Protein backbone atom coordinates (compact mmCIF):
# COMPACT_ATOMS: atom_id res chain seq x y z
CA MET A 1 -0.14 0.00 0.06
CA LEU A 2 1.39 3.14 -0.95
CA LYS A 3 1.67 5.71 1.86
CA VAL A 4 -0.84 8.20 0.10
CA ASP A 5 -3.25 5.60 0.69
CA ILE A 6 -2.78 4.14 4.00
CA ILE A 7 -2.71 8.13 5.14
CA GLU A 8 -6.78 7.97 3.28
CA GLN A 9 -7.48 4.28 4.55
CA CYS A 10 -6.42 6.50 8.26
CA LYS A 11 -8.59 9.04 7.71
CA ARG A 12 -11.28 6.73 7.25
CA ASN A 13 -10.65 5.18 10.57
CA ASN A 14 -8.80 1.51 9.15
CA ARG A 15 -7.25 0.64 12.05
CA LYS A 16 -5.01 -1.73 10.10
CA ALA A 17 -3.83 1.47 7.87
CA GLN A 18 -3.72 3.09 11.12
CA MET A 19 -1.24 0.28 12.63
CA GLN A 20 0.92 0.29 9.73
CA LEU A 21 1.41 3.91 9.91
CA TYR A 22 2.57 3.63 13.52
CA HIS A 23 4.90 0.81 12.53
CA GLN A 24 6.71 2.62 9.96
CA TYR A 25 7.53 5.45 12.15
CA CYS A 26 7.23 4.70 15.84
CA ASN A 27 11.19 3.94 16.11
CA GLY A 28 12.25 7.48 14.53
CA MET A 29 9.48 9.24 16.55
CA TYR A 30 10.93 7.32 19.51
CA ILE A 31 14.38 8.50 19.48
CA VAL A 32 12.97 12.46 18.43
CA ALA A 33 11.25 12.47 21.80
CA MET A 34 14.24 10.86 23.75
CA ARG A 35 15.62 14.16 22.70
CA TYR A 36 14.34 15.92 25.13
CA VAL A 37 12.47 13.77 27.69
CA LYS A 38 15.71 11.45 28.59
CA ASP A 39 13.21 9.04 30.04
CA ALA A 40 12.52 5.77 27.68
CA HIS A 41 8.61 5.01 29.59
CA GLU A 42 7.86 9.25 29.26
CA ALA A 43 9.20 9.03 25.51
CA GLU A 44 6.73 5.82 24.73
CA ASP A 45 4.30 7.91 26.39
CA ILE A 46 4.70 10.93 24.27
CA VAL A 47 4.88 8.81 21.04
CA GLN A 48 1.42 7.14 21.81
CA GLU A 49 0.12 10.52 22.24
CA ALA A 50 1.56 11.97 19.30
CA PHE A 51 0.22 9.02 17.54
CA ILE A 52 -3.62 9.29 18.98
CA LYS A 53 -3.58 13.36 18.39
CA ALA A 54 -2.11 12.76 14.87
CA PHE A 55 -4.51 9.90 14.10
CA SER A 56 -7.63 12.40 15.68
CA LYS A 57 -6.53 15.46 13.65
CA ILE A 58 -5.67 13.40 10.52
CA ASP A 59 -7.82 15.28 8.12
CA GLN A 60 -5.81 18.40 9.01
CA TYR A 61 -3.24 17.06 7.53
CA LYS A 62 -2.75 18.04 3.85
CA ALA A 63 0.62 16.55 2.84
CA GLU A 64 2.39 20.31 2.38
CA VAL A 65 5.29 18.66 4.08
CA THR A 66 6.02 14.64 4.50
CA PHE A 67 3.42 12.92 7.19
CA GLY A 68 6.81 12.03 8.66
CA ALA A 69 7.59 15.93 9.39
CA TRP A 70 4.08 16.80 10.76
CA LEU A 71 4.39 14.14 13.19
CA LYS A 72 7.91 14.81 13.98
CA ARG A 73 6.02 18.49 15.06
CA ILE A 74 3.49 17.08 17.47
CA VAL A 75 6.13 14.75 18.77
CA ILE A 76 8.13 17.57 19.26
CA ASN A 77 5.44 19.52 20.88
CA LYS A 78 4.19 16.59 22.82
CA SER A 79 7.56 16.41 24.74
CA ILE A 80 8.20 20.31 24.99
CA ASP A 81 4.83 20.18 26.53
CA PHE A 82 6.25 17.43 28.81
CA LEU A 83 8.66 18.98 30.19
CA LYS A 84 7.19 22.24 30.78
CA SER A 85 4.32 20.09 32.89
CA LYS A 86 7.58 18.88 34.85
CA LYS A 87 8.09 22.61 35.60
CA GLU A 88 10.91 22.31 33.66
CA GLN A 89 9.96 25.44 31.76
CA LEU A 90 13.11 27.58 30.34
CA ILE A 91 13.84 30.63 32.22
CA GLU A 92 13.22 33.92 30.80
CA ILE A 93 16.56 36.09 31.36
CA ASN A 94 16.41 39.90 31.83
CA GLU A 95 15.90 41.43 28.25
CA LEU A 96 18.58 43.89 28.07
CA HIS A 97 21.32 42.02 29.57
CA LEU A 98 20.63 38.79 26.41
CA LYS A 99 21.13 42.09 24.26
CA ILE A 100 24.46 42.50 25.24
CA CYS A 101 24.90 38.87 25.29
CA ASP A 102 23.86 38.38 21.63
CA THR A 103 26.20 41.01 20.20
CA ASP A 104 28.51 38.35 20.33
CA SER A 105 30.87 38.10 17.08
CA ASN A 106 32.82 34.46 18.29
CA ASP A 107 29.68 32.40 16.43
CA LYS A 108 32.36 29.76 15.96
CA TRP A 109 31.26 25.80 16.34
CA LEU A 110 34.53 24.86 16.55
CA VAL A 111 35.57 20.90 17.43
CA GLU A 112 38.21 18.70 17.45
CA ASP A 113 38.90 16.54 14.43
CA THR A 114 38.49 13.32 16.08
CA THR A 115 35.61 14.41 18.27
CA THR A 116 33.04 11.79 17.77
CA LEU A 117 29.02 12.41 17.14
CA ASN A 118 28.76 10.01 19.50
CA ALA A 119 30.85 12.56 21.92
CA ILE A 120 28.35 15.29 20.86
CA LYS A 121 25.69 13.20 21.41
CA LYS A 122 26.62 12.67 24.88
CA ALA A 123 27.44 16.58 25.42
CA ILE A 124 24.48 17.89 23.78
CA ASP A 125 22.89 15.37 26.43
CA ARG A 126 24.77 16.92 29.12
CA LEU A 127 24.11 20.58 28.11
CA PRO A 128 21.39 22.44 31.10
CA GLU A 129 17.72 21.48 30.00
CA LYS A 130 16.60 25.46 28.94
CA TYR A 131 20.44 25.59 26.65
CA ARG A 132 20.29 21.84 25.22
CA CYS A 133 16.35 22.01 24.04
CA VAL A 134 16.94 25.26 21.79
CA VAL A 135 20.55 23.76 20.40
CA LEU A 136 18.01 20.58 19.54
CA LEU A 137 15.89 23.10 18.45
CA TYR A 138 18.14 24.81 16.31
CA LEU A 139 20.95 22.40 14.89
CA ILE A 140 18.96 18.98 15.02
CA GLU A 141 15.45 19.72 14.02
CA GLY A 142 16.79 22.66 11.71
CA TYR A 143 14.07 25.32 13.39
CA ASP A 144 14.95 29.22 13.25
CA HIS A 145 14.79 31.24 15.97
CA GLN A 146 11.49 33.09 15.22
CA GLU A 147 10.07 29.17 15.28
CA ILE A 148 12.03 27.98 18.51
CA SER A 149 10.52 31.46 20.13
CA GLN A 150 7.20 30.22 19.40
CA ILE A 151 7.67 26.09 20.62
CA LEU A 152 9.19 27.36 23.67
CA ASN A 153 7.14 30.54 24.16
CA ILE A 154 10.55 32.89 24.98
CA THR A 155 11.59 35.56 22.88
CA GLU A 156 13.65 35.26 19.73
CA VAL A 157 16.49 37.69 21.74
CA ALA A 158 16.01 34.28 24.91
CA SER A 159 16.14 31.93 21.57
CA ARG A 160 19.41 33.29 20.25
CA THR A 161 21.20 33.82 23.53
CA GLN A 162 20.28 30.13 25.07
CA LEU A 163 21.69 28.85 21.96
CA LEU A 164 25.33 31.00 22.15
CA ARG A 165 25.32 30.00 25.47
CA GLY A 166 24.43 26.45 24.68
CA LYS A 167 26.90 26.43 21.94
CA LYS A 168 29.76 27.46 24.31
CA LYS A 169 29.07 24.80 26.90
CA LEU A 170 28.81 22.00 23.91
CA GLN A 171 32.09 23.27 23.51
CA GLU A 172 33.37 23.25 26.97
CA LEU A 173 31.94 19.70 27.39
CA LEU A 174 33.47 18.43 24.08
CA THR A 175 37.01 20.21 24.92
CA LEU A 176 37.02 18.46 28.43
CA GLU A 177 36.38 15.04 26.94
CA THR A 178 38.97 16.08 23.87
CA ASN A 179 41.47 16.86 26.59
CA GLY A 180 40.52 13.50 28.51
CA THR A 181 39.31 15.04 31.71
CA GLY A 182 36.24 13.16 30.88
CA TYR A 183 32.49 14.35 31.71
């Protein structure tokens, strides 16, 4: 069955088609949720809730983007909602202070050639929550600051500053790892 046919069947509430779509995307969406919540059980719950929402709102899917991209957005939003509900909301910093920090022109991403992808992932996992979310949304998911500000309900300036600080902290963590001092 083609994806278009599967989605059309899902719109008609065909359970077999829904299971087929679920099995096709569940592992990838679980990985997305784990990037944010860091707990396997919570990530599973988020994926389940995302699929429930996707199937209940599937009539709103217009194929302007791939189904996977549409579903991924739902998973990310559910993950962020979970973090907010756990009182791990991002703290908005004084706007004036942010504007001063945001003028730093040293915006280079320099890592050693020997740095592995696994080391980068571990370092991202160790970032403080407020930085990790912005770094993930910007670097991994590809959102811009306007989108991040809407998703996290922060200003664009806060998004830029948290990304800048997150990148700095990420470089520090990677430098520690490269120098053999570990985390």
